Amino acid sequence: MSLKHFHYVFLFFAIVCDGGFWLWTRLMPEETAKLEVSHLGLIAGWTSLGLIGYSFWYLIKKSRQIIV
């Protein structure tokens, strides 16, 4: 697997994990409040959005510059 393809896979799993954590904090607020991780859900949500933006930028602009 090339570095470019590893980057695609890593970004995909990072977005899924961050988005899943954010969704968990929204669907189970009592549980997250008990564990005191509610504030981390907000951070994970914004990080997920940032990673989605970075993914589009990377796919459009940088993937042409990387030689397979």
C-alpha atoms as a PDB file:
ATOM      1  CA  MET A   1       0.000   0.000   0.000  1.00  0.00           C
ATOM      2  CA  SER A   2       1.409   3.356  -0.975  1.00  0.00           C
ATOM      3  CA  LEU A   3       1.616   6.306   1.364  1.00  0.00           C
ATOM      4  CA  LYS A   4      -1.166   8.048  -0.556  1.00  0.00           C
ATOM      5  CA  HIS A   5      -3.549   5.145  -0.068  1.00  0.00           C
ATOM      6  CA  PHE A   6      -2.587   4.794   3.586  1.00  0.00           C
ATOM      7  CA  HIS A   7      -3.449   8.479   4.028  1.00  0.00           C
ATOM      8  CA  TYR A   8      -6.903   7.878   2.486  1.00  0.00           C
ATOM      9  CA  VAL A   9      -7.567   4.929   4.802  1.00  0.00           C
ATOM     10  CA  PHE A  10      -6.300   6.786   7.865  1.00  0.00           C
ATOM     11  CA  LEU A  11      -8.473   9.819   7.124  1.00  0.00           C
ATOM     12  CA  PHE A  12     -11.525   7.620   6.598  1.00  0.00           C
ATOM     13  CA  PHE A  13     -11.127   5.829   9.921  1.00  0.00           C
ATOM     14  CA  ALA A  14     -10.293   9.051  11.775  1.00  0.00           C
ATOM     15  CA  ILE A  15     -13.490  10.678  10.477  1.00  0.00           C
ATOM     16  CA  VAL A  16     -15.579   7.612  11.329  1.00  0.00           C
ATOM     17  CA  CYS A  17     -14.159   7.379  14.858  1.00  0.00           C
ATOM     18  CA  ASP A  18     -14.521  11.103  15.598  1.00  0.00           C
ATOM     19  CA  GLY A  19     -18.006  11.196  14.125  1.00  0.00           C
ATOM     20  CA  GLY A  20     -19.010   8.085  16.031  1.00  0.00           C
ATOM     21  CA  PHE A  21     -17.783   9.532  19.310  1.00  0.00           C
ATOM     22  CA  TRP A  22     -19.656  12.779  18.660  1.00  0.00           C
ATOM     23  CA  LEU A  23     -22.813  10.833  17.820  1.00  0.00           C
ATOM     24  CA  TRP A  24     -22.464   8.748  20.987  1.00  0.00           C
ATOM     25  CA  THR A  25     -22.214  11.892  23.119  1.00  0.00           C
ATOM     26  CA  ARG A  26     -25.380  13.236  21.469  1.00  0.00           C
ATOM     27  CA  LEU A  27     -27.430  10.039  21.680  1.00  0.00           C
ATOM     28  CA  MET A  28     -26.488   9.155  25.266  1.00  0.00           C
ATOM     29  CA  PRO A  29     -26.081  12.460  27.145  1.00  0.00           C
ATOM     30  CA  GLU A  30     -26.737  10.927  30.567  1.00  0.00           C
ATOM     31  CA  GLU A  31     -23.991   8.363  30.089  1.00  0.00           C
ATOM     32  CA  THR A  32     -21.478  10.929  28.843  1.00  0.00           C
ATOM     33  CA  ALA A  33     -22.324  13.308  31.702  1.00  0.00           C
ATOM     34  CA  LYS A  34     -21.749  10.493  34.181  1.00  0.00           C
ATOM     35  CA  LEU A  35     -18.367   9.768  32.600  1.00  0.00           C
ATOM     36  CA  GLU A  36     -17.624  13.529  32.307  1.00  0.00           C
ATOM     37  CA  VAL A  37     -16.766  13.387  28.604  1.00  0.00           C
ATOM     38  CA  SER A  38     -19.537  15.621  27.234  1.00  0.00           C
ATOM     39  CA  HIS A  39     -17.085  18.386  26.345  1.00  0.00           C
ATOM     40  CA  LEU A  40     -14.949  15.915  24.388  1.00  0.00           C
ATOM     41  CA  GLY A  41     -17.926  15.179  22.131  1.00  0.00           C
ATOM     42  CA  LEU A  42     -17.994  18.782  20.986  1.00  0.00           C
ATOM     43  CA  ILE A  43     -14.276  18.695  20.273  1.00  0.00           C
ATOM     44  CA  ALA A  44     -14.674  15.419  18.364  1.00  0.00           C
ATOM     45  CA  GLY A  45     -17.482  16.899  16.277  1.00  0.00           C
ATOM     46  CA  TRP A  46     -15.435  19.902  15.235  1.00  0.00           C
ATOM     47  CA  THR A  47     -12.400  17.721  14.599  1.00  0.00           C
ATOM     48  CA  SER A  48     -14.487  15.473  12.381  1.00  0.00           C
ATOM     49  CA  LEU A  49     -15.681  18.461  10.348  1.00  0.00           C
ATOM     50  CA  GLY A  50     -12.113  19.709  10.063  1.00  0.00           C
ATOM     51  CA  LEU A  51     -10.932  16.310   8.879  1.00  0.00           C
ATOM     52  CA  ILE A  52     -13.688  16.197   6.263  1.00  0.00           C
ATOM     53  CA  GLY A  53     -12.576  19.595   4.972  1.00  0.00           C
ATOM     54  CA  TYR A  54      -8.948  18.508   4.956  1.00  0.00           C
ATOM     55  CA  SER A  55      -9.879  15.303   3.134  1.00  0.00           C
ATOM     56  CA  PHE A  56     -11.546  17.205   0.320  1.00  0.00           C
ATOM     57  CA  TRP A  57      -8.604  19.579   0.082  1.00  0.00           C
ATOM     58  CA  TYR A  58      -6.139  16.697   0.082  1.00  0.00           C
ATOM     59  CA  LEU A  59      -8.058  14.672  -2.495  1.00  0.00           C
ATOM     60  CA  ILE A  60      -8.505  17.583  -4.884  1.00  0.00           C
ATOM     61  CA  LYS A  61      -5.237  19.494  -4.582  1.00  0.00           C
ATOM     62  CA  LYS A  62      -2.556  17.180  -3.245  1.00  0.00           C
ATOM     63  CA  SER A  63      -3.396  13.802  -4.762  1.00  0.00           C
ATOM     64  CA  ARG A  64      -2.309  15.054  -8.203  1.00  0.00           C
ATOM     65  CA  GLN A  65       1.133  15.901  -6.825  1.00  0.00           C
ATOM     66  CA  ILE A  66       1.809  12.535  -5.209  1.00  0.00           C
ATOM     67  CA  ILE A  67       3.258   9.899  -7.502  1.00  0.00           C
ATOM     68  CA  VAL A  68       1.867   6.438  -6.964  1.00  0.00           C
END
